Amino acid sequence: MGFQFLLLVGLGGAIGSMGRASVSLLLQSFSPWPTVLVNVIGAFLIGFLVRAMEGLSEPDFFRAFWIIGVCGGFTTFSAFGLDLVNLMKEEGFLSSFTYIALSLLGTILGVYLGFRTFSALNG
């Protein structure tokens, strides 16, 4: 895969990122609501694409462009949703709940620590 795989991820990511920015521009808002919208659309899209990919004989390049690239650039929350659904199917409630709790609390803590670290370094 190598370089071609990375190129497809990069191209898809650029398209996804531009799509995300376009939603904010169309709604003329940088409030949380466009983010909710892209997260829901992204979750739908990743679910649809994973099902579409199941029938492919060589899904790696499809996955690189559409799932990692486009969906990843559009929203990373769609990947969270996909991982959670897979955990529910494979490992059950405890693993799923742990994943939700660690993801939510970990990202909030990460943002908080990032703020604090910046403040500490810049007096």
Protein backbone atom coordinates (compact mmCIF):
# COMPACT_ATOMS: atom_id res chain seq x y z
CA MET A 1 0.00 0.00 0.00
CA GLY A 2 2.53 2.62 1.13
CA PHE A 3 2.56 5.95 -0.64
CA GLN A 4 -0.55 5.36 -2.74
CA PHE A 5 -2.53 4.57 0.42
CA LEU A 6 -1.30 7.77 2.11
CA LEU A 7 -2.05 9.83 -0.98
CA LEU A 8 -5.65 8.54 -1.04
CA VAL A 9 -6.04 9.31 2.67
CA GLY A 10 -4.69 12.82 2.12
CA LEU A 11 -6.92 13.54 -0.88
CA GLY A 12 -9.98 12.19 0.89
CA GLY A 13 -9.10 14.14 4.03
CA ALA A 14 -8.87 17.38 2.05
CA ILE A 15 -12.31 16.77 0.56
CA GLY A 16 -13.78 15.89 3.95
CA SER A 17 -12.26 18.96 5.62
CA MET A 18 -13.58 21.24 2.89
CA GLY A 19 -17.00 19.63 3.31
CA ARG A 20 -16.95 20.30 7.02
CA ALA A 21 -15.94 23.94 6.51
CA SER A 22 -18.65 24.30 3.84
CA VAL A 23 -21.35 23.22 6.29
CA SER A 24 -20.20 25.90 8.75
CA LEU A 25 -20.12 28.51 5.99
CA LEU A 26 -23.55 27.52 4.66
CA LEU A 27 -25.05 27.69 8.13
CA GLN A 28 -23.08 30.89 8.77
CA SER A 29 -22.17 29.71 12.19
CA PHE A 30 -19.20 28.42 14.10
CA SER A 31 -21.44 27.35 16.98
CA PRO A 32 -21.65 23.70 18.07
CA TRP A 33 -24.71 23.00 15.86
CA PRO A 34 -22.88 22.58 12.55
CA THR A 35 -20.54 20.21 14.41
CA VAL A 36 -23.52 18.12 15.55
CA LEU A 37 -24.80 18.08 11.97
CA VAL A 38 -21.49 16.94 10.46
CA ASN A 39 -21.06 14.32 13.19
CA VAL A 40 -24.47 12.82 12.43
CA ILE A 41 -23.93 12.97 8.67
CA GLY A 42 -20.45 11.51 9.08
CA ALA A 43 -21.74 8.68 11.25
CA PHE A 44 -24.38 7.84 8.64
CA LEU A 45 -21.81 8.03 5.85
CA ILE A 46 -19.29 5.79 7.59
CA GLY A 47 -21.97 3.20 8.34
CA PHE A 48 -23.12 3.25 4.73
CA LEU A 49 -19.58 3.03 3.38
CA VAL A 50 -18.53 0.18 5.67
CA ARG A 51 -21.48 -1.85 4.38
CA ALA A 52 -20.62 -0.92 0.78
CA MET A 53 -17.00 -1.95 1.35
CA GLU A 54 -17.97 -5.44 2.55
CA GLY A 55 -18.57 -6.63 -1.00
CA LEU A 56 -15.24 -5.42 -2.39
CA SER A 57 -12.45 -7.89 -3.08
CA GLU A 58 -9.75 -5.32 -2.24
CA PRO A 59 -11.23 -2.77 0.16
CA ASP A 60 -7.99 -1.11 1.34
CA PHE A 61 -7.91 1.75 -1.16
CA PHE A 62 -11.67 2.34 -0.84
CA ARG A 63 -11.21 2.47 2.95
CA ALA A 64 -8.20 4.79 2.64
CA PHE A 65 -10.02 7.38 0.54
CA TRP A 66 -13.60 7.23 1.80
CA ILE A 67 -13.47 6.10 5.42
CA ILE A 68 -10.12 7.31 6.73
CA GLY A 69 -9.82 10.25 4.34
CA VAL A 70 -13.24 11.75 3.59
CA CYS A 71 -15.00 10.70 6.80
CA GLY A 72 -11.91 11.38 8.90
CA GLY A 73 -11.56 14.86 7.42
CA PHE A 74 -15.27 15.54 7.74
CA THR A 75 -15.56 14.26 11.29
CA THR A 76 -13.60 12.00 13.61
CA PHE A 77 -16.75 11.34 15.59
CA SER A 78 -17.93 8.98 12.88
CA ALA A 79 -14.93 6.75 13.61
CA PHE A 80 -15.89 6.81 17.29
CA GLY A 81 -19.39 5.64 16.36
CA LEU A 82 -18.06 2.85 14.16
CA ASP A 83 -15.64 1.65 16.83
CA LEU A 84 -18.42 1.70 19.42
CA VAL A 85 -20.79 -0.35 17.25
CA ASN A 86 -18.04 -2.89 16.60
CA LEU A 87 -17.22 -3.10 20.31
CA MET A 88 -20.89 -3.65 21.16
CA LYS A 89 -21.11 -6.50 18.65
CA GLU A 90 -17.83 -8.14 19.62
CA GLU A 91 -17.21 -7.45 23.30
CA GLY A 92 -20.44 -6.31 24.89
CA PHE A 93 -21.61 -3.66 27.31
CA LEU A 94 -18.65 -3.30 29.66
CA SER A 95 -16.09 -2.69 26.90
CA SER A 96 -18.51 -0.35 25.13
CA PHE A 97 -19.20 1.68 28.25
CA THR A 98 -15.48 1.84 29.06
CA TYR A 99 -14.75 3.07 25.53
CA ILE A 100 -17.42 5.78 25.81
CA ALA A 101 -16.23 6.90 29.24
CA LEU A 102 -12.53 6.97 28.32
CA SER A 103 -13.23 8.76 25.02
CA LEU A 104 -15.43 11.41 26.58
CA LEU A 105 -13.48 12.02 29.76
CA GLY A 106 -10.12 11.60 28.03
CA THR A 107 -10.84 14.22 25.38
CA ILE A 108 -12.26 16.69 27.91
CA LEU A 109 -9.22 16.17 30.14
CA GLY A 110 -6.92 16.48 27.13
CA VAL A 111 -8.42 19.86 26.16
CA TYR A 112 -8.24 21.08 29.75
CA LEU A 113 -4.61 19.97 30.14
CA GLY A 114 -3.75 21.58 26.80
CA PHE A 115 -5.22 24.88 28.01
CA ARG A 116 -3.40 24.61 31.33
CA THR A 117 -0.08 23.68 29.71
CA PHE A 118 -0.28 26.60 27.30
CA SER A 119 -1.10 28.97 30.16
CA ALA A 120 1.77 27.60 32.27
CA LEU A 121 4.26 28.00 29.42
CA ASN A 122 3.11 31.52 28.56
CA GLY A 123 2.88 32.89 32.08
